[in-house]
Amino acid sequence: MTSDDFGGSSRLPQERRVVTEIPGPRSQELQKRRVAAVPPGVGSVLPVYVTDADGGVVVDVDGNSLIDFGSGIAVTGVGNANPRVAARVKAQADRFTHTCFMVAPYESYVEVCENLNRITPGDHEKRSFLVNSGAEAVENAVKIARYATGRQAVVVFDHGYHGRTLLTMTLTAKNMPYKHGFGPYAPEVYRAPLAYPYRWPTGPDDCGPEAAAQAIDQITKQIGATNVAAVLIEPIQGEGGFIVPAPGFLPAIAEFCRANGILFIADEVQTGFARTGDLFACEHEGIVPDLVATAKGIAGGLPLAAVTGRADIMDKVHGGGLGGTYGGNPLACEAALAVLEEIEDRKLTRRARRIGEIMLPRLRALAERHPAIGDVRGRGAMIAVELVRPGGKDPDPEMTAQVARRCHERGLLVLTTGTYGNVLRFLPPLVISEALLNEGLDILDEVFAG
């Protein structure tokens, strides 16, 4: 399949169409109902109510067709309502919707695990099991690491995000909105510095080795390596601002873990399944984790997540120690099998790299014209710009929100993120057409031009 083939066979017209203000009148009516029914703690990036989505567009109740640079936060990489996914899910729904794998198992669960064992980094023997969400996968990975090592301490990193449960909220770095007021938090969680090239005090060139040395020194002196069960890290940070750790940082941390009997856990919840141009982001520097947590892009929009790890680690947990009622639901398993087929058949890792080849040069050219863009970064189809006040590196969350709002008004769905709320992140579906991708970048250009 050539790059121009994407979007050509889509069910919906792959075009931006703005026919009302955004949000339109029907969305505004639904928003009033939502306010009366749903607590305000559940936020939304853009209060438009969706009726259809396909390829690179999302259609709302008012008939607006928006270019999708969000993919449901990296979930619908193979496209929304992907035909292969929908067909397998429908066929499964006609057979049975649930038995609970722990009660009466079924083949699709086993097949998903076999595939995960095959495609995750490393040629060692592996085991996988399935849960419902990224937070649940991370929490189980930590649970397994503690059980297997007999140790308690877990090390995470500045700017990291790992979920909203008690443990994963503790593992997460950012206070507002994820942690504020929800304590006390889980014990034996420690935070180390991250190699954040744009904000490293001595600059990006020395960032990798210096940050690794600081992190290792902090772990050794403040915790004690023999007390650490696991080091947990996103190979590219998601909610922290799409921070790509400086080269050499991850390999140094992984080597420290190997030398000290510490398990290296890769949180690939947002980065996995071709998003960054590799099947998994840790492959970029040849990292082979002991445990991998996956979710989001695994099942095309159905709730599914997984923990995959070395067999000698995973097999240590006693019978009944892992599981859950809905984990590996048969509908979600069929969706995951379809997603894996789509990634392989349509060469979506290569497609993600192509998206990056289009986006990064255009965003860098935009940054040259607009000093408010302090940094352009990312890999594959996981790209971001960090906005700052001109003349320095002070974060500018107000401008970030303003740019996002103006994009939304023009029919481009973008997301904000970052510890300081000053990062625009772009997660287009891997199947988006190049025409639609470039039109979205044109809109961004117009917004910055004022």
Protein backbone atom coordinates (compact mmCIF):
# COMPACT_ATOMS: atom_id res chain seq x y z
CA MET A 1 0.00 0.00 0.00
CA THR A 2 1.36 3.41 -0.94
CA SER A 3 1.10 6.51 1.22
CA ASP A 4 -1.66 7.89 -1.03
CA ASP A 5 -3.88 4.84 -0.49
CA PHE A 6 -4.80 5.86 3.06
CA GLY A 7 -8.22 7.43 3.30
CA GLY A 8 -9.21 6.34 -0.22
CA SER A 9 -11.56 3.55 0.84
CA SER A 10 -13.05 5.26 3.88
CA ARG A 11 -16.74 4.97 4.70
CA LEU A 12 -17.09 8.70 5.45
CA PRO A 13 -15.84 11.57 3.25
CA GLN A 14 -12.36 12.42 4.47
CA GLU A 15 -12.92 16.13 4.58
CA ARG A 16 -13.21 18.96 7.07
CA ARG A 17 -16.67 20.46 7.11
CA VAL A 18 -17.72 23.25 9.48
CA VAL A 19 -21.42 24.08 9.08
CA THR A 20 -22.19 25.58 12.51
CA GLU A 21 -20.28 27.23 15.28
CA ILE A 22 -18.34 24.68 17.32
CA PRO A 23 -19.87 23.47 19.53
CA GLY A 24 -23.10 23.71 17.54
CA PRO A 25 -26.65 24.06 18.86
CA ARG A 26 -27.37 20.34 19.28
CA SER A 27 -24.05 19.79 21.05
CA GLN A 28 -24.87 22.70 23.33
CA GLU A 29 -28.22 21.10 24.16
CA LEU A 30 -26.52 17.81 24.98
CA GLN A 31 -23.97 19.66 27.09
CA LYS A 32 -26.79 21.00 29.25
CA ARG A 33 -28.06 17.45 29.78
CA ARG A 34 -24.54 16.31 30.59
CA VAL A 35 -24.09 18.98 33.26
CA ALA A 36 -27.25 17.72 34.96
CA ALA A 37 -26.25 14.06 34.77
CA VAL A 38 -22.43 13.82 34.93
CA PRO A 39 -20.16 15.24 37.65
CA PRO A 40 -17.84 18.09 36.59
CA GLY A 41 -14.81 16.03 37.61
CA VAL A 42 -15.19 14.18 34.29
CA GLY A 43 -13.82 16.68 31.79
CA SER A 44 -13.90 16.90 27.99
CA VAL A 45 -11.43 18.52 25.65
CA LEU A 46 -14.11 19.67 23.24
CA PRO A 47 -17.85 19.51 24.06
CA VAL A 48 -19.03 18.35 20.66
CA TYR A 49 -21.15 15.21 20.69
CA VAL A 50 -20.11 12.60 18.17
CA THR A 51 -22.40 10.60 15.91
CA ASP A 52 -19.85 9.05 13.55
CA ALA A 53 -16.11 8.74 12.98
CA ASP A 54 -13.92 7.09 10.38
CA GLY A 55 -10.37 7.38 9.14
CA GLY A 56 -9.17 10.85 10.03
CA VAL A 57 -12.51 12.57 10.73
CA VAL A 58 -15.02 12.84 13.58
CA VAL A 59 -18.59 13.92 12.79
CA ASP A 60 -20.75 15.63 15.41
CA VAL A 61 -24.52 15.89 15.97
CA ASP A 62 -24.62 19.22 14.13
CA GLY A 63 -23.10 17.78 10.96
CA ASN A 64 -19.61 19.21 11.44
CA SER A 65 -16.77 16.99 10.27
CA LEU A 66 -13.59 17.63 12.27
CA ILE A 67 -10.06 16.54 11.41
CA ASP A 68 -8.98 14.15 14.15
CA PHE A 69 -5.52 14.79 15.60
CA GLY A 70 -6.41 12.95 18.83
CA SER A 71 -7.40 9.35 18.01
CA GLY A 72 -9.27 9.15 21.32
CA ILE A 73 -5.87 9.70 23.01
CA ALA A 74 -3.92 7.25 20.84
CA VAL A 75 -6.63 4.58 20.90
CA THR A 76 -8.03 4.48 17.36
CA GLY A 77 -4.75 4.19 15.50
CA VAL A 78 -6.24 1.84 12.91
CA GLY A 79 -9.16 4.23 12.38
CA ASN A 80 -12.47 4.57 14.14
CA ALA A 81 -14.97 1.77 13.41
CA ASN A 82 -12.27 0.04 11.42
CA PRO A 83 -14.12 -2.47 9.19
CA ARG A 84 -11.98 -5.43 10.21
CA VAL A 85 -12.38 -4.58 13.89
CA ALA A 86 -16.13 -4.01 13.57
CA ALA A 87 -16.69 -7.26 11.68
CA ARG A 88 -14.85 -9.39 14.22
CA VAL A 89 -16.56 -7.70 17.16
CA LYS A 90 -20.01 -8.14 15.59
CA ALA A 91 -19.39 -11.80 14.83
CA GLN A 92 -18.27 -12.39 18.42
CA ALA A 93 -21.27 -10.49 19.84
CA ASP A 94 -23.52 -12.84 17.89
CA ARG A 95 -21.85 -15.83 19.58
CA PHE A 96 -21.34 -14.75 23.21
CA THR A 97 -20.35 -11.56 25.00
CA HIS A 98 -18.92 -12.83 28.29
CA THR A 99 -18.12 -15.93 30.26
CA CYS A 100 -15.23 -14.58 32.38
CA PHE A 101 -11.95 -16.10 31.30
CA MET A 102 -11.34 -17.26 34.87
CA VAL A 103 -14.58 -19.27 34.76
CA ALA A 104 -14.85 -20.65 31.23
CA PRO A 105 -11.96 -19.60 28.95
CA TYR A 106 -11.97 -19.07 25.19
CA GLU A 107 -9.42 -19.19 22.39
CA SER A 108 -9.26 -15.50 21.47
CA TYR A 109 -7.81 -14.55 24.88
CA VAL A 110 -5.06 -17.12 24.41
CA GLU A 111 -4.43 -15.93 20.86
CA VAL A 112 -4.05 -12.30 21.94
CA CYS A 113 -1.54 -13.36 24.58
CA GLU A 114 0.37 -15.48 22.07
CA ASN A 115 0.62 -12.47 19.78
CA LEU A 116 1.78 -10.17 22.56
CA ASN A 117 4.42 -12.70 23.58
CA ARG A 118 5.59 -12.75 19.97
CA ILE A 119 5.69 -9.04 19.17
CA THR A 120 6.87 -7.37 22.39
CA PRO A 121 10.63 -6.72 22.58
CA GLY A 122 12.97 -9.60 23.35
CA ASP A 123 13.27 -13.19 22.16
CA HIS A 124 12.98 -14.71 25.64
CA GLU A 125 10.03 -16.86 26.70
CA LYS A 126 7.11 -14.68 27.79
CA ARG A 127 3.67 -14.78 29.35
CA SER A 128 0.81 -12.27 29.05
CA PHE A 129 -2.50 -11.69 30.77
CA LEU A 130 -5.29 -9.28 29.99
CA VAL A 131 -7.03 -6.56 31.97
CA ASN A 132 -9.25 -3.57 31.18
CA SER A 133 -7.23 -0.35 31.26
CA GLY A 134 -3.74 1.09 31.20
CA ALA A 135 -3.87 1.91 34.89
CA GLU A 136 -4.85 -1.67 35.67
CA ALA A 137 -2.00 -2.99 33.54
CA VAL A 138 0.55 -0.75 35.27
CA GLU A 139 -0.77 -1.63 38.70
CA ASN A 140 -0.53 -5.35 37.94
CA ALA A 141 2.99 -4.97 36.54
CA VAL A 142 4.07 -3.37 39.81
CA LYS A 143 2.27 -6.07 41.79
CA ILE A 144 4.07 -8.80 39.83
CA ALA A 145 7.44 -7.09 40.22
CA ARG A 146 7.05 -6.84 43.98
CA TYR A 147 5.97 -10.46 44.25
CA ALA A 148 8.75 -11.77 42.01
CA THR A 149 11.58 -9.80 43.64
CA GLY A 150 10.41 -9.81 47.24
CA ARG A 151 11.17 -6.07 47.29
CA GLN A 152 8.80 -3.13 47.77
CA ALA A 153 10.24 0.13 46.39
CA VAL A 154 9.19 1.36 42.95
CA VAL A 155 11.02 4.15 41.13
CA VAL A 156 9.22 6.44 38.67
CA PHE A 157 10.28 9.68 36.99
CA ASP A 158 9.55 13.38 36.90
CA HIS A 159 6.67 14.29 34.56
CA GLY A 160 5.46 10.67 34.39
CA TYR A 161 1.82 9.67 34.12
CA HIS A 162 0.61 6.14 34.88
CA GLY A 163 -3.09 6.32 35.73
CA ARG A 164 -5.80 7.36 38.18
CA THR A 165 -6.14 4.44 40.62
CA LEU A 166 -4.61 4.88 44.07
CA LEU A 167 -1.30 3.25 43.14
CA THR A 168 -1.03 4.66 39.63
CA MET A 169 -2.08 8.10 40.86
CA THR A 170 0.80 7.84 43.33
CA LEU A 171 3.13 6.84 40.50
CA THR A 172 1.98 9.87 38.48
CA ALA A 173 4.00 13.07 38.91
CA LYS A 174 1.47 15.82 38.20
CA ASN A 175 -0.66 17.07 41.07
CA MET A 176 -3.46 18.91 39.26
CA PRO A 177 -5.81 17.47 38.14
CA TYR A 178 -4.69 13.89 38.76
CA LYS A 179 -3.70 13.82 42.45
CA HIS A 180 -4.94 16.97 44.12
CA GLY A 181 -7.07 16.21 47.17
CA PHE A 182 -7.09 12.44 46.66
CA GLY A 183 -4.41 11.42 49.15
CA PRO A 184 -3.00 9.80 51.21
CA TYR A 185 -1.06 7.94 48.57
CA ALA A 186 0.45 4.47 48.33
CA PRO A 187 3.79 3.89 50.09
CA GLU A 188 7.22 2.94 48.72
CA VAL A 189 7.05 5.04 45.54
CA TYR A 190 10.09 7.21 44.74
CA ARG A 191 10.69 9.74 41.97
CA ALA A 192 13.88 10.32 40.00
CA PRO A 193 14.90 12.98 37.45
CA LEU A 194 14.08 12.47 33.77
CA ALA A 195 16.29 13.36 30.80
CA TYR A 196 14.10 16.22 29.50
CA PRO A 197 16.29 17.69 26.74
CA TYR A 198 14.50 21.02 26.31
CA ARG A 199 14.62 21.86 30.01
CA TRP A 200 17.85 20.18 31.11
CA PRO A 201 20.04 22.81 32.88
CA THR A 202 23.21 22.11 30.88
CA GLY A 203 21.42 21.69 27.56
CA PRO A 204 20.34 18.72 25.46
CA ASP A 205 23.78 17.42 24.43
CA ASP A 206 24.74 16.17 27.90
CA CYS A 207 21.21 15.51 29.08
CA GLY A 208 21.11 11.71 28.64
CA PRO A 209 24.22 10.69 30.60
CA GLU A 210 23.85 13.44 33.20
CA ALA A 211 20.22 12.63 33.96
CA ALA A 212 20.95 8.90 34.12
CA ALA A 213 23.85 9.49 36.51
CA GLN A 214 21.68 11.67 38.74
CA ALA A 215 18.83 9.18 38.76
CA ILE A 216 21.11 6.23 39.56
CA ASP A 217 22.89 8.19 42.28
CA GLN A 218 19.56 9.18 43.83
CA ILE A 219 18.24 5.62 43.74
CA THR A 220 21.43 4.22 45.23
CA LYS A 221 21.77 6.74 48.03
CA GLN A 222 18.17 7.50 48.96
CA ILE A 223 16.49 4.12 48.47
CA GLY A 224 19.16 1.46 48.11
CA ALA A 225 19.26 -0.60 44.95
CA THR A 226 18.61 -3.84 46.84
CA ASN A 227 15.28 -2.44 48.05
CA VAL A 228 13.97 -1.59 44.59
CA ALA A 229 11.53 -4.00 42.96
CA ALA A 230 11.08 -2.09 39.73
CA VAL A 231 11.86 0.99 37.73
CA LEU A 232 8.79 2.09 35.76
CA ILE A 233 9.03 4.50 32.83
CA GLU A 234 7.23 5.60 29.68
CA PRO A 235 9.72 5.35 26.79
CA ILE A 236 8.16 8.60 25.56
CA GLN A 237 6.18 10.38 28.21
CA GLY A 238 2.54 11.00 27.40
CA GLU A 239 0.65 13.30 29.76
CA GLY A 240 3.98 14.76 30.89
CA GLY A 241 4.31 16.48 27.52
CA PHE A 242 5.45 13.93 24.92
CA ILE A 243 8.94 14.15 26.34
CA VAL A 244 11.39 11.99 24.42
CA PRO A 245 14.18 11.11 26.89
CA ALA A 246 17.59 12.16 25.64
CA PRO A 247 19.56 9.42 23.84
CA GLY A 248 21.37 7.07 26.18
CA PHE A 249 19.16 7.70 29.20
CA LEU A 250 16.94 4.64 28.85
CA PRO A 251 19.79 2.20 28.06
CA ALA A 252 21.74 3.45 31.11
CA ILE A 253 18.74 2.99 33.40
CA ALA A 254 18.02 -0.45 31.93
CA GLU A 255 21.63 -1.54 32.46
CA PHE A 256 21.55 -0.31 36.07
CA CYS A 257 18.42 -2.38 36.61
CA ARG A 258 20.01 -5.52 35.15
CA ALA A 259 23.11 -5.10 37.31
CA ASN A 260 21.07 -4.78 40.50
CA GLY A 261 18.26 -7.30 40.10
CA ILE A 262 15.70 -4.55 39.52
CA LEU A 263 12.89 -5.19 37.04
CA PHE A 264 12.57 -2.68 34.21
CA ILE A 265 8.89 -1.99 33.41
CA ALA A 266 8.04 -0.16 30.19
CA ASP A 267 4.74 1.69 30.32
CA GLU A 268 3.84 1.49 26.63
CA VAL A 269 0.18 2.34 27.21
CA GLN A 270 0.26 5.42 24.96
CA THR A 271 3.33 4.59 22.86
CA GLY A 272 2.56 1.00 21.87
CA PHE A 273 1.13 -0.59 18.72
CA ALA A 274 2.98 1.32 15.98
CA ARG A 275 2.28 4.81 17.34
CA THR A 276 5.94 5.93 17.36
CA GLY A 277 7.07 4.21 14.17
CA ASP A 278 8.10 1.03 15.96
CA LEU A 279 5.67 -1.51 17.36
CA PHE A 280 6.86 -0.38 20.79
CA ALA A 281 8.76 2.81 21.61
CA CYS A 282 11.44 1.09 23.70
CA GLU A 283 12.63 -0.69 20.55
CA HIS A 284 14.08 2.58 19.27
CA GLU A 285 17.13 2.25 21.55
CA GLY A 286 17.06 -1.53 21.76
CA ILE A 287 15.55 -1.68 25.24
CA VAL A 288 14.22 -5.11 26.26
CA PRO A 289 11.97 -4.62 29.30
CA ASP A 290 11.31 -7.31 31.88
CA LEU A 291 7.63 -6.31 31.91
CA VAL A 292 5.55 -4.28 29.44
CA ALA A 293 2.21 -2.63 30.16
CA THR A 294 0.02 -1.98 27.11
CA ALA A 295 -3.47 -0.61 26.44
CA LYS A 296 -4.98 2.23 24.33
CA GLY A 297 -4.12 1.27 20.73
CA ILE A 298 -4.37 -2.47 21.42
CA ALA A 299 -8.07 -2.95 20.56
CA GLY A 300 -9.27 -0.14 18.30
CA GLY A 301 -11.46 1.50 20.94
CA LEU A 302 -12.62 -1.43 23.04
CA PRO A 303 -11.40 -1.60 26.65
CA LEU A 304 -8.41 -3.93 26.80
CA ALA A 305 -4.97 -3.83 28.34
CA ALA A 306 -2.21 -6.31 29.04
CA VAL A 307 0.89 -7.13 31.01
CA THR A 308 3.55 -9.08 29.14
CA GLY A 309 6.74 -10.23 30.79
CA ARG A 310 9.49 -12.75 31.13
CA ALA A 311 8.07 -16.17 31.82
CA ASP A 312 10.25 -16.73 34.88
CA ILE A 313 8.81 -13.57 36.44
CA MET A 314 5.19 -13.99 35.41
CA ASP A 315 5.08 -17.65 36.47
CA LYS A 316 6.04 -16.85 40.06
CA VAL A 317 2.64 -15.45 41.06
CA HIS A 318 0.42 -17.99 42.79
CA GLY A 319 -2.78 -19.28 41.18
CA GLY A 320 -5.65 -16.82 41.49
CA GLY A 321 -3.29 -13.91 42.22
CA LEU A 322 -3.98 -12.28 38.85
CA GLY A 323 -7.20 -11.66 36.98
CA GLY A 324 -10.50 -9.79 37.02
CA THR A 325 -14.08 -10.28 35.92
CA TYR A 326 -13.93 -8.39 32.63
CA GLY A 327 -10.24 -8.71 31.80
CA GLY A 328 -9.82 -10.03 28.26
CA ASN A 329 -13.51 -9.72 27.37
CA PRO A 330 -14.12 -11.75 24.18
CA LEU A 331 -15.32 -8.73 22.18
CA ALA A 332 -12.17 -6.81 23.05
CA CYS A 333 -9.99 -9.81 22.26
CA GLU A 334 -11.47 -10.09 18.78
CA ALA A 335 -10.90 -6.36 18.28
CA ALA A 336 -7.27 -6.74 19.34
CA LEU A 337 -6.69 -9.57 16.90
CA ALA A 338 -8.13 -7.39 14.13
CA VAL A 339 -5.89 -4.46 15.15
CA LEU A 340 -2.79 -6.63 15.02
CA GLU A 341 -3.77 -7.83 11.55
CA GLU A 342 -4.30 -4.24 10.42
CA ILE A 343 -0.92 -3.11 11.75
CA GLU A 344 0.85 -5.91 9.93
CA ASP A 345 -1.14 -5.94 6.69
CA ARG A 346 -1.18 -2.16 6.23
CA LYS A 347 2.39 -1.68 7.49
CA LEU A 348 1.29 0.89 10.04
CA THR A 349 4.69 1.21 11.71
CA ARG A 350 6.01 2.49 8.41
CA ARG A 351 2.93 4.68 8.06
CA ALA A 352 3.57 6.22 11.50
CA ARG A 353 7.10 7.09 10.43
CA ARG A 354 5.71 8.72 7.29
CA ILE A 355 3.36 10.85 9.40
CA GLY A 356 6.34 12.02 11.42
CA GLU A 357 8.26 12.81 8.24
CA ILE A 358 5.41 15.10 7.19
CA MET A 359 4.63 16.72 10.53
CA LEU A 360 8.05 17.40 12.05
CA PRO A 361 9.52 19.54 9.23
CA ARG A 362 6.35 21.59 8.96
CA LEU A 363 6.17 22.16 12.71
CA ARG A 364 9.86 23.09 12.84
CA ALA A 365 9.32 25.59 10.05
CA LEU A 366 6.37 26.97 12.04
CA ALA A 367 8.60 27.28 15.12
CA GLU A 368 11.12 29.32 13.13
CA ARG A 369 8.39 31.87 12.37
CA HIS A 370 6.81 31.91 15.83
CA PRO A 371 9.09 32.22 18.89
CA ALA A 372 6.22 31.09 21.14
CA ILE A 373 7.02 27.55 19.97
CA GLY A 374 9.96 26.66 22.17
CA ASP A 375 10.33 23.01 21.21
CA VAL A 376 9.13 20.58 18.57
CA ARG A 377 9.53 16.93 19.47
CA GLY A 378 8.21 13.41 19.12
CA ARG A 379 8.58 10.31 17.03
CA GLY A 380 6.37 8.76 14.39
CA ALA A 381 2.75 9.80 14.86
CA MET A 382 3.32 10.99 18.43
CA ILE A 383 4.31 14.65 17.99
CA ALA A 384 4.14 17.76 20.17
CA VAL A 385 5.04 21.44 20.35
CA GLU A 386 5.83 23.17 23.64
CA LEU A 387 4.68 26.77 23.92
CA VAL A 388 6.61 29.34 25.95
CA ARG A 389 6.63 33.07 26.50
CA PRO A 390 8.95 34.59 23.90
CA GLY A 391 12.43 35.42 25.10
CA GLY A 392 12.74 32.51 27.49
CA LYS A 393 11.37 29.11 28.45
CA ASP A 394 8.60 30.13 30.81
CA PRO A 395 5.60 27.89 30.04
CA ASP A 396 2.59 29.57 28.42
CA PRO A 397 -0.47 27.45 29.23
CA GLU A 398 -2.85 30.33 28.44
CA MET A 399 -1.63 30.58 24.85
CA THR A 400 -1.70 26.80 24.55
CA ALA A 401 -5.37 26.72 25.52
CA GLN A 402 -6.09 29.61 23.15
CA VAL A 403 -4.41 27.88 20.21
CA ALA A 404 -6.30 24.66 20.92
CA ARG A 405 -9.61 26.53 21.09
CA ARG A 406 -8.97 28.29 17.79
CA CYS A 407 -8.09 24.98 16.16
CA HIS A 408 -11.32 23.51 17.45
CA GLU A 409 -13.32 26.44 16.08
CA ARG A 410 -11.83 25.77 12.64
CA GLY A 411 -12.60 22.05 12.75
CA LEU A 412 -9.30 20.59 13.94
CA LEU A 413 -9.38 18.43 17.07
CA VAL A 414 -6.12 18.80 19.00
CA LEU A 415 -5.19 17.95 22.58
CA THR A 416 -3.19 19.78 25.22
CA THR A 417 -0.92 18.16 27.75
CA GLY A 418 2.26 18.60 29.79
CA THR A 419 3.25 19.15 33.39
CA TYR A 420 2.88 22.89 32.82
CA GLY A 421 -0.18 22.64 30.56
CA ASN A 422 1.77 24.23 27.70
CA VAL A 423 2.10 21.41 25.18
CA LEU A 424 -0.02 20.78 22.10
CA ARG A 425 0.07 17.08 21.28
CA PHE A 426 -0.83 15.47 18.00
CA LEU A 427 -1.97 11.85 17.74
CA PRO A 428 -3.55 11.46 14.31
CA PRO A 429 -4.94 8.07 13.35
CA LEU A 430 -2.25 6.08 11.57
CA VAL A 431 -4.65 5.70 8.64
CA ILE A 432 -5.23 9.43 8.13
CA SER A 433 -4.80 10.60 4.52
CA GLU A 434 -1.86 12.85 3.74
CA ALA A 435 -4.25 15.46 2.34
CA LEU A 436 -6.16 15.62 5.62
CA LEU A 437 -2.95 15.60 7.64
CA ASN A 438 -1.58 18.55 5.68
CA GLU A 439 -4.88 20.41 5.93
CA GLY A 440 -4.72 20.06 9.70
CA LEU A 441 -1.21 21.49 9.67
CA ASP A 442 -2.43 24.34 7.46
CA ILE A 443 -5.06 25.17 10.08
CA LEU A 444 -2.41 25.19 12.79
CA ASP A 445 -0.34 27.53 10.65
CA GLU A 446 -3.32 29.87 10.23
CA VAL A 447 -4.01 29.88 13.96
CA PHE A 448 -0.44 30.87 14.81
CA ALA A 449 -0.48 33.52 12.10
CA GLY A 450 -3.46 35.08 13.90
